Amino acid sequence: MMIASDAVPQAIKLLLDFVTDFSANNEDLNEVIVLSSNYNRLETIARRRLLTFEELEVKQNKLLYQMLGLLDMINEKLLQKMEA
């Protein structure tokens, strides 16, 4: 829900906490770190107005879909473990 309300920094923090607590895969943690870095870079680009609004929005949406995809993947792994 935080992503839907455009609270991306808080969503990234919660995703980092979630991955730390529920994923034994270091690659998941690394992916969250990269997503966080990409978000911070986009914020800098936005402040400097280096991209058009449309270009920035496309990049932000890609980032948000990556976050949601990672969350779905970890949830799926957890469900598989619980069913095993």
PDB file of N, CA and C in Angstrom:
ATOM      1  N   MET A   1       0.812  -1.200   0.000  1.00  0.00           N
ATOM      2  CA  MET A   1       0.000   0.000   0.000  1.00  0.00           C
ATOM      3  C   MET A   1       0.854   1.261   0.000  1.00  0.00           C
ATOM      4  N   MET A   2       2.048   1.179   0.550  1.00  0.00           N
ATOM      5  CA  MET A   2       2.893   2.376   0.569  1.00  0.00           C
ATOM      6  C   MET A   2       3.290   2.788  -0.839  1.00  0.00           C
ATOM      7  N   ILE A   3       3.503   1.802  -1.696  1.00  0.00           N
ATOM      8  CA  ILE A   3       3.852   2.127  -3.074  1.00  0.00           C
ATOM      9  C   ILE A   3       2.693   2.858  -3.736  1.00  0.00           C
ATOM     10  N   ALA A   4       1.491   2.390  -3.482  1.00  0.00           N
ATOM     11  CA  ALA A   4       0.311   3.027  -4.073  1.00  0.00           C
ATOM     12  C   ALA A   4       0.134   4.457  -3.577  1.00  0.00           C
ATOM     13  N   SER A   5       0.553   4.733  -2.358  1.00  0.00           N
ATOM     14  CA  SER A   5       0.407   6.080  -1.811  1.00  0.00           C
ATOM     15  C   SER A   5       1.652   6.925  -2.059  1.00  0.00           C
ATOM     16  N   ASP A   6       2.575   6.414  -2.887  1.00  0.00           N
ATOM     17  CA  ASP A   6       3.784   7.134  -3.285  1.00  0.00           C
ATOM     18  C   ASP A   6       4.738   7.381  -2.117  1.00  0.00           C
ATOM     19  N   ALA A   7       4.722   6.499  -1.143  1.00  0.00           N
ATOM     20  CA  ALA A   7       5.657   6.575  -0.019  1.00  0.00           C
ATOM     21  C   ALA A   7       6.804   5.599  -0.284  1.00  0.00           C
ATOM     22  N   VAL A   8       7.503   5.830  -1.379  1.00  0.00           N
ATOM     23  CA  VAL A   8       8.517   4.887  -1.844  1.00  0.00           C
ATOM     24  C   VAL A   8       9.673   4.712  -0.854  1.00  0.00           C
ATOM     25  N   PRO A   9      10.226   5.772  -0.273  1.00  0.00           N
ATOM     26  CA  PRO A   9      11.322   5.531   0.685  1.00  0.00           C
ATOM     27  C   PRO A   9      10.914   4.622   1.846  1.00  0.00           C
ATOM     28  N   GLN A  10       9.707   4.817   2.357  1.00  0.00           N
ATOM     29  CA  GLN A  10       9.226   3.961   3.445  1.00  0.00           C
ATOM     30  C   GLN A  10       8.995   2.534   2.942  1.00  0.00           C
ATOM     31  N   ALA A  11       8.510   2.400   1.723  1.00  0.00           N
ATOM     32  CA  ALA A  11       8.289   1.069   1.150  1.00  0.00           C
ATOM     33  C   ALA A  11       9.619   0.344   0.968  1.00  0.00           C
ATOM     34  N   ILE A  12      10.640   1.061   0.542  1.00  0.00           N
ATOM     35  CA  ILE A  12      11.962   0.450   0.390  1.00  0.00           C
ATOM     36  C   ILE A  12      12.486  -0.012   1.749  1.00  0.00           C
ATOM     37  N   LYS A  13      12.322   0.802   2.761  1.00  0.00           N
ATOM     38  CA  LYS A  13      12.773   0.416   4.112  1.00  0.00           C
ATOM     39  C   LYS A  13      12.039  -0.833   4.590  1.00  0.00           C
ATOM     40  N   LEU A  14      10.725  -0.864   4.386  1.00  0.00           N
ATOM     41  CA  LEU A  14       9.963  -2.055   4.787  1.00  0.00           C
ATOM     42  C   LEU A  14      10.372  -3.275   3.977  1.00  0.00           C
ATOM     43  N   LEU A  15      10.638  -3.090   2.686  1.00  0.00           N
ATOM     44  CA  LEU A  15      11.084  -4.205   1.859  1.00  0.00           C
ATOM     45  C   LEU A  15      12.433  -4.716   2.342  1.00  0.00           C
ATOM     46  N   LEU A  16      13.311  -3.808   2.698  1.00  0.00           N
ATOM     47  CA  LEU A  16      14.616  -4.202   3.240  1.00  0.00           C
ATOM     48  C   LEU A  16      14.444  -4.993   4.536  1.00  0.00           C
ATOM     49  N   ASP A  17      13.580  -4.529   5.422  1.00  0.00           N
ATOM     50  CA  ASP A  17      13.297  -5.254   6.669  1.00  0.00           C
ATOM     51  C   ASP A  17      12.702  -6.625   6.376  1.00  0.00           C
ATOM     52  N   PHE A  18      11.763  -6.674   5.418  1.00  0.00           N
ATOM     53  CA  PHE A  18      11.110  -7.930   5.058  1.00  0.00           C
ATOM     54  C   PHE A  18      12.125  -8.935   4.518  1.00  0.00           C
ATOM     55  N   VAL A  19      12.979  -8.473   3.614  1.00  0.00           N
ATOM     56  CA  VAL A  19      13.991  -9.358   3.033  1.00  0.00           C
ATOM     57  C   VAL A  19      14.962  -9.833   4.108  1.00  0.00           C
ATOM     58  N   THR A  20      15.367  -8.936   4.985  1.00  0.00           N
ATOM     59  CA  THR A  20      16.281  -9.303   6.062  1.00  0.00           C
ATOM     60  C   THR A  20      15.653 -10.363   6.974  1.00  0.00           C
ATOM     61  N   ASP A  21      14.367 -10.238   7.253  1.00  0.00           N
ATOM     62  CA  ASP A  21      13.694 -11.153   8.173  1.00  0.00           C
ATOM     63  C   ASP A  21      13.286 -12.477   7.523  1.00  0.00           C
ATOM     64  N   PHE A  22      12.911 -12.454   6.240  1.00  0.00           N
ATOM     65  CA  PHE A  22      12.261 -13.628   5.662  1.00  0.00           C
ATOM     66  C   PHE A  22      12.987 -14.266   4.487  1.00  0.00           C
ATOM     67  N   SER A  23      14.073 -13.707   4.028  1.00  0.00           N
ATOM     68  CA  SER A  23      14.781 -14.311   2.904  1.00  0.00           C
ATOM     69  C   SER A  23      16.189 -14.681   3.326  1.00  0.00           C
ATOM     70  N   ALA A  24      16.543 -15.921   3.043  1.00  0.00           N
ATOM     71  CA  ALA A  24      17.894 -16.384   3.352  1.00  0.00           C
ATOM     72  C   ALA A  24      18.823 -16.153   2.162  1.00  0.00           C
ATOM     73  N   ASN A  25      18.291 -15.545   1.120  1.00  0.00           N
ATOM     74  CA  ASN A  25      19.026 -15.357  -0.111  1.00  0.00           C
ATOM     75  C   ASN A  25      19.682 -13.973  -0.127  1.00  0.00           C
ATOM     76  N   ASN A  26      21.010 -13.950  -0.150  1.00  0.00           N
ATOM     77  CA  ASN A  26      21.728 -12.673  -0.187  1.00  0.00           C
ATOM     78  C   ASN A  26      21.435 -11.883  -1.454  1.00  0.00           C
ATOM     79  N   GLU A  27      21.106 -12.572  -2.535  1.00  0.00           N
ATOM     80  CA  GLU A  27      20.782 -11.883  -3.780  1.00  0.00           C
ATOM     81  C   GLU A  27      19.537 -11.007  -3.609  1.00  0.00           C
ATOM     82  N   ASP A  28      18.589 -11.444  -2.812  1.00  0.00           N
ATOM     83  CA  ASP A  28      17.395 -10.637  -2.548  1.00  0.00           C
ATOM     84  C   ASP A  28      17.774  -9.346  -1.829  1.00  0.00           C
ATOM     85  N   LEU A  29      18.639  -9.471  -0.835  1.00  0.00           N
ATOM     86  CA  LEU A  29      19.110  -8.294  -0.109  1.00  0.00           C
ATOM     87  C   LEU A  29      19.863  -7.346  -1.042  1.00  0.00           C
ATOM     88  N   ASN A  30      20.717  -7.906  -1.864  1.00  0.00           N
ATOM     89  CA  ASN A  30      21.456  -7.087  -2.822  1.00  0.00           C
ATOM     90  C   ASN A  30      20.512  -6.374  -3.781  1.00  0.00           C
ATOM     91  N   GLU A  31      19.466  -7.045  -4.194  1.00  0.00           N
ATOM     92  CA  GLU A  31      18.505  -6.428  -5.114  1.00  0.00           C
ATOM     93  C   GLU A  31      17.801  -5.240  -4.455  1.00  0.00           C
ATOM     94  N   VAL A  32      17.461  -5.368  -3.193  1.00  0.00           N
ATOM     95  CA  VAL A  32      16.824  -4.245  -2.489  1.00  0.00           C
ATOM     96  C   VAL A  32      17.799  -3.077  -2.378  1.00  0.00           C
ATOM     97  N   ILE A  33      19.044  -3.363  -2.104  1.00  0.00           N
ATOM     98  CA  ILE A  33      20.051  -2.306  -2.007  1.00  0.00           C
ATOM     99  C   ILE A  33      20.184  -1.587  -3.353  1.00  0.00           C
ATOM    100  N   VAL A  34      20.208  -2.336  -4.437  1.00  0.00           N
ATOM    101  CA  VAL A  34      20.295  -1.731  -5.767  1.00  0.00           C
ATOM    102  C   VAL A  34      19.038  -0.921  -6.068  1.00  0.00           C
ATOM    103  N   LEU A  35      17.871  -1.442  -5.710  1.00  0.00           N
ATOM    104  CA  LEU A  35      16.620  -0.698  -5.912  1.00  0.00           C
ATOM    105  C   LEU A  35      16.642   0.616  -5.136  1.00  0.00           C
ATOM    106  N   SER A  36      17.129   0.574  -3.921  1.00  0.00           N
ATOM    107  CA  SER A  36      17.223   1.779  -3.107  1.00  0.00           C
ATOM    108  C   SER A  36      18.161   2.795  -3.742  1.00  0.00           C
ATOM    109  N   SER A  37      19.284   2.322  -4.209  1.00  0.00           N
ATOM    110  CA  SER A  37      20.245   3.202  -4.873  1.00  0.00           C
ATOM    111  C   SER A  37      19.641   3.813  -6.134  1.00  0.00           C
ATOM    112  N   ASN A  38      18.949   3.009  -6.907  1.00  0.00           N
ATOM    113  CA  ASN A  38      18.310   3.507  -8.130  1.00  0.00           C
ATOM    114  C   ASN A  38      17.252   4.556  -7.807  1.00  0.00           C
ATOM    115  N   TYR A  39      16.498   4.314  -6.758  1.00  0.00           N
ATOM    116  CA  TYR A  39      15.481   5.296  -6.365  1.00  0.00           C
ATOM    117  C   TYR A  39      16.143   6.615  -5.967  1.00  0.00           C
ATOM    118  N   ASN A  40      17.195   6.545  -5.181  1.00  0.00           N
ATOM    119  CA  ASN A  40      17.897   7.762  -4.762  1.00  0.00           C
ATOM    120  C   ASN A  40      18.478   8.506  -5.961  1.00  0.00           C
ATOM    121  N   ARG A  41      18.995   7.753  -6.919  1.00  0.00           N
ATOM    122  CA  ARG A  41      19.526   8.370  -8.131  1.00  0.00           C
ATOM    123  C   ARG A  41      18.416   9.064  -8.917  1.00  0.00           C
ATOM    124  N   LEU A  42      17.256   8.421  -9.006  1.00  0.00           N
ATOM    125  CA  LEU A  42      16.117   9.039  -9.702  1.00  0.00           C
ATOM    126  C   LEU A  42      15.664  10.318  -9.007  1.00  0.00           C
ATOM    127  N   GLU A  43      15.693  10.310  -7.690  1.00  0.00           N
ATOM    128  CA  GLU A  43      15.320  11.508  -6.951  1.00  0.00           C
ATOM    129  C   GLU A  43      16.284  12.661  -7.256  1.00  0.00           C
ATOM    130  N   THR A  44      17.564  12.339  -7.363  1.00  0.00           N
ATOM    131  CA  THR A  44      18.555  13.362  -7.713  1.00  0.00           C
ATOM    132  C   THR A  44      18.296  13.890  -9.128  1.00  0.00           C
ATOM    133  N   ILE A  45      18.030  12.995 -10.042  1.00  0.00           N
ATOM    134  CA  ILE A  45      17.727  13.392 -11.418  1.00  0.00           C
ATOM    135  C   ILE A  45      16.486  14.276 -11.464  1.00  0.00           C
ATOM    136  N   ALA A  46      15.486  13.914 -10.668  1.00  0.00           N
ATOM    137  CA  ALA A  46      14.249  14.707 -10.631  1.00  0.00           C
ATOM    138  C   ALA A  46      14.521  16.106 -10.096  1.00  0.00           C
ATOM    139  N   ARG A  47      15.307  16.196  -9.022  1.00  0.00           N
ATOM    140  CA  ARG A  47      15.628  17.504  -8.443  1.00  0.00           C
ATOM    141  C   ARG A  47      16.387  18.392  -9.429  1.00  0.00           C
ATOM    142  N   ARG A  48      17.246  17.757 -10.199  1.00  0.00           N
ATOM    143  CA  ARG A  48      18.051  18.510 -11.166  1.00  0.00           C
ATOM    144  C   ARG A  48      17.317  18.736 -12.491  1.00  0.00           C
ATOM    145  N   ARG A  49      16.153  18.130 -12.599  1.00  0.00           N
ATOM    146  CA  ARG A  49      15.317  18.250 -13.811  1.00  0.00           C
ATOM    147  C   ARG A  49      16.081  17.847 -15.068  1.00  0.00           C
ATOM    148  N   LEU A  50      16.736  16.705 -14.980  1.00  0.00           N
ATOM    149  CA  LEU A  50      17.528  16.205 -16.097  1.00  0.00           C
ATOM    150  C   LEU A  50      16.705  15.366 -17.072  1.00  0.00           C
ATOM    151  N   LEU A  51      15.507  14.975 -16.660  1.00  0.00           N
ATOM    152  CA  LEU A  51      14.597  14.209 -17.513  1.00  0.00           C
ATOM    153  C   LEU A  51      13.254  14.912 -17.555  1.00  0.00           C
ATOM    154  N   THR A  52      12.510  14.611 -18.606  1.00  0.00           N
ATOM    155  CA  THR A  52      11.146  15.123 -18.650  1.00  0.00           C
ATOM    156  C   THR A  52      10.314  14.367 -17.627  1.00  0.00           C
ATOM    157  N   PHE A  53       9.175  14.903 -17.308  1.00  0.00           N
ATOM    158  CA  PHE A  53       8.277  14.250 -16.357  1.00  0.00           C
ATOM    159  C   PHE A  53       7.924  12.852 -16.846  1.00  0.00           C
ATOM    160  N   GLU A  54       7.645  12.723 -18.125  1.00  0.00           N
ATOM    161  CA  GLU A  54       7.251  11.427 -18.684  1.00  0.00           C
ATOM    162  C   GLU A  54       8.389  10.404 -18.584  1.00  0.00           C
ATOM    163  N   GLU A  55       9.610  10.835 -18.899  1.00  0.00           N
ATOM    164  CA  GLU A  55      10.758   9.936 -18.807  1.00  0.00           C
ATOM    165  C   GLU A  55      10.994   9.492 -17.367  1.00  0.00           C
ATOM    166  N   LEU A  56      10.881  10.428 -16.458  1.00  0.00           N
ATOM    167  CA  LEU A  56      11.068  10.120 -15.043  1.00  0.00           C
ATOM    168  C   LEU A  56       9.989   9.160 -14.554  1.00  0.00           C
ATOM    169  N   GLU A  57       8.769   9.393 -14.971  1.00  0.00           N
ATOM    170  CA  GLU A  57       7.667   8.533 -14.554  1.00  0.00           C
ATOM    171  C   GLU A  57       7.850   7.103 -15.050  1.00  0.00           C
ATOM    172  N   VAL A  58       8.322   6.939 -16.279  1.00  0.00           N
ATOM    173  CA  VAL A  58       8.578   5.598 -16.819  1.00  0.00           C
ATOM    174  C   VAL A  58       9.636   4.892 -15.984  1.00  0.00           C
ATOM    175  N   LYS A  59      10.712   5.585 -15.670  1.00  0.00           N
ATOM    176  CA  LYS A  59      11.786   4.985 -14.872  1.00  0.00           C
ATOM    177  C   LYS A  59      11.310   4.648 -13.454  1.00  0.00           C
ATOM    178  N   GLN A  60      10.519   5.529 -12.858  1.00  0.00           N
ATOM    179  CA  GLN A  60       9.995   5.261 -11.518  1.00  0.00           C
ATOM    180  C   GLN A  60       9.048   4.068 -11.532  1.00  0.00           C
ATOM    181  N   ASN A  61       8.214   3.972 -12.549  1.00  0.00           N
ATOM    182  CA  ASN A  61       7.295   2.839 -12.633  1.00  0.00           C
ATOM    183  C   ASN A  61       8.042   1.526 -12.797  1.00  0.00           C
ATOM    184  N   LYS A  62       9.113   1.515 -13.590  1.00  0.00           N
ATOM    185  CA  LYS A  62       9.929   0.305 -13.727  1.00  0.00           C
ATOM    186  C   LYS A  62      10.498  -0.109 -12.372  1.00  0.00           C
ATOM    187  N   LEU A  63      10.982   0.861 -11.627  1.00  0.00           N
ATOM    188  CA  LEU A  63      11.537   0.594 -10.308  1.00  0.00           C
ATOM    189  C   LEU A  63      10.467   0.014  -9.375  1.00  0.00           C
ATOM    190  N   LEU A  64       9.276   0.593  -9.398  1.00  0.00           N
ATOM    191  CA  LEU A  64       8.199   0.104  -8.544  1.00  0.00           C
ATOM    192  C   LEU A  64       7.789  -1.317  -8.925  1.00  0.00           C
ATOM    193  N   TYR A  65       7.737  -1.607 -10.216  1.00  0.00           N
ATOM    194  CA  TYR A  65       7.416  -2.972 -10.643  1.00  0.00           C
ATOM    195  C   TYR A  65       8.496  -3.954 -10.206  1.00  0.00           C
ATOM    196  N   GLN A  66       9.756  -3.517 -10.214  1.00  0.00           N
ATOM    197  CA  GLN A  66      10.833  -4.382  -9.730  1.00  0.00           C
ATOM    198  C   GLN A  66      10.657  -4.678  -8.243  1.00  0.00           C
ATOM    199  N   MET A  67      10.281  -3.668  -7.482  1.00  0.00           N
ATOM    200  CA  MET A  67      10.042  -3.862  -6.046  1.00  0.00           C
ATOM    201  C   MET A  67       8.912  -4.856  -5.824  1.00  0.00           C
ATOM    202  N   LEU A  68       7.821  -4.671  -6.541  1.00  0.00           N
ATOM    203  CA  LEU A  68       6.675  -5.567  -6.389  1.00  0.00           C
ATOM    204  C   LEU A  68       7.024  -6.984  -6.840  1.00  0.00           C
ATOM    205  N   GLY A  69       7.803  -7.096  -7.903  1.00  0.00           N
ATOM    206  CA  GLY A  69       8.216  -8.421  -8.377  1.00  0.00           C
ATOM    207  C   GLY A  69       9.072  -9.143  -7.354  1.00  0.00           C
ATOM    208  N   LEU A  70       9.989  -8.432  -6.734  1.00  0.00           N
ATOM    209  CA  LEU A  70      10.832  -9.042  -5.699  1.00  0.00           C
ATOM    210  C   LEU A  70       9.984  -9.497  -4.520  1.00  0.00           C
ATOM    211  N   LEU A  71       9.059  -8.664  -4.107  1.00  0.00           N
ATOM    212  CA  LEU A  71       8.176  -9.028  -3.000  1.00  0.00           C
ATOM    213  C   LEU A  71       7.349 -10.270  -3.337  1.00  0.00           C
ATOM    214  N   ASP A  72       6.807 -10.317  -4.543  1.00  0.00           N
ATOM    215  CA  ASP A  72       6.035 -11.492  -4.971  1.00  0.00           C
ATOM    216  C   ASP A  72       6.896 -12.744  -4.984  1.00  0.00           C
ATOM    217  N   MET A  73       8.129 -12.622  -5.465  1.00  0.00           N
ATOM    218  CA  MET A  73       9.023 -13.770  -5.545  1.00  0.00           C
ATOM    219  C   MET A  73       9.341 -14.310  -4.148  1.00  0.00           C
ATOM    220  N   ILE A  74       9.620 -13.416  -3.212  1.00  0.00           N
ATOM    221  CA  ILE A  74       9.924 -13.859  -1.844  1.00  0.00           C
ATOM    222  C   ILE A  74       8.699 -14.482  -1.198  1.00  0.00           C
ATOM    223  N   ASN A  75       7.542 -13.882  -1.403  1.00  0.00           N
ATOM    224  CA  ASN A  75       6.304 -14.461  -0.865  1.00  0.00           C
ATOM    225  C   ASN A  75       6.072 -15.859  -1.423  1.00  0.00           C
ATOM    226  N   GLU A  76       6.319 -16.035  -2.714  1.00  0.00           N
ATOM    227  CA  GLU A  76       6.142 -17.352  -3.337  1.00  0.00           C
ATOM    228  C   GLU A  76       7.097 -18.373  -2.715  1.00  0.00           C
ATOM    229  N   LYS A  77       8.339 -17.979  -2.495  1.00  0.00           N
ATOM    230  CA  LYS A  77       9.313 -18.882  -1.853  1.00  0.00           C
ATOM    231  C   LYS A  77       8.848 -19.268  -0.447  1.00  0.00           C
ATOM    232  N   LEU A  78       8.327 -18.289   0.297  1.00  0.00           N
ATOM    233  CA  LEU A  78       7.850 -18.567   1.653  1.00  0.00           C
ATOM    234  C   LEU A  78       6.681 -19.538   1.629  1.00  0.00           C
ATOM    235  N   LEU A  79       5.766 -19.327   0.698  1.00  0.00           N
ATOM    236  CA  LEU A  79       4.614 -20.235   0.589  1.00  0.00           C
ATOM    237  C   LEU A  79       5.056 -21.648   0.238  1.00  0.00           C
ATOM    238  N   GLN A  80       6.029 -21.776  -0.656  1.00  0.00           N
ATOM    239  CA  GLN A  80       6.527 -23.104  -1.017  1.00  0.00           C
ATOM    240  C   GLN A  80       7.167 -23.788   0.170  1.00  0.00           C
ATOM    241  N   LYS A  81       7.902 -23.028   0.981  1.00  0.00           N
ATOM    242  CA  LYS A  81       8.520 -23.612   2.182  1.00  0.00           C
ATOM    243  C   LYS A  81       7.470 -24.081   3.166  1.00  0.00           C
ATOM    244  N   MET A  82       6.396 -23.294   3.315  1.00  0.00           N
ATOM    245  CA  MET A  82       5.339 -23.643   4.268  1.00  0.00           C
ATOM    246  C   MET A  82       4.576 -24.873   3.811  1.00  0.00           C
ATOM    247  N   GLU A  83       4.454 -25.060   2.506  1.00  0.00           N
ATOM    248  CA  GLU A  83       3.712 -26.204   1.978  1.00  0.00           C
ATOM    249  C   GLU A  83       4.552 -27.475   1.984  1.00  0.00           C
ATOM    250  N   ALA A  84       5.870 -27.337   2.061  1.00  0.00           N
ATOM    251  CA  ALA A  84       6.761 -28.509   2.007  1.00  0.00           C
ATOM    252  C   ALA A  84       6.809 -29.236   3.325  1.00  0.00           C
TER     253      ALA A  84
END
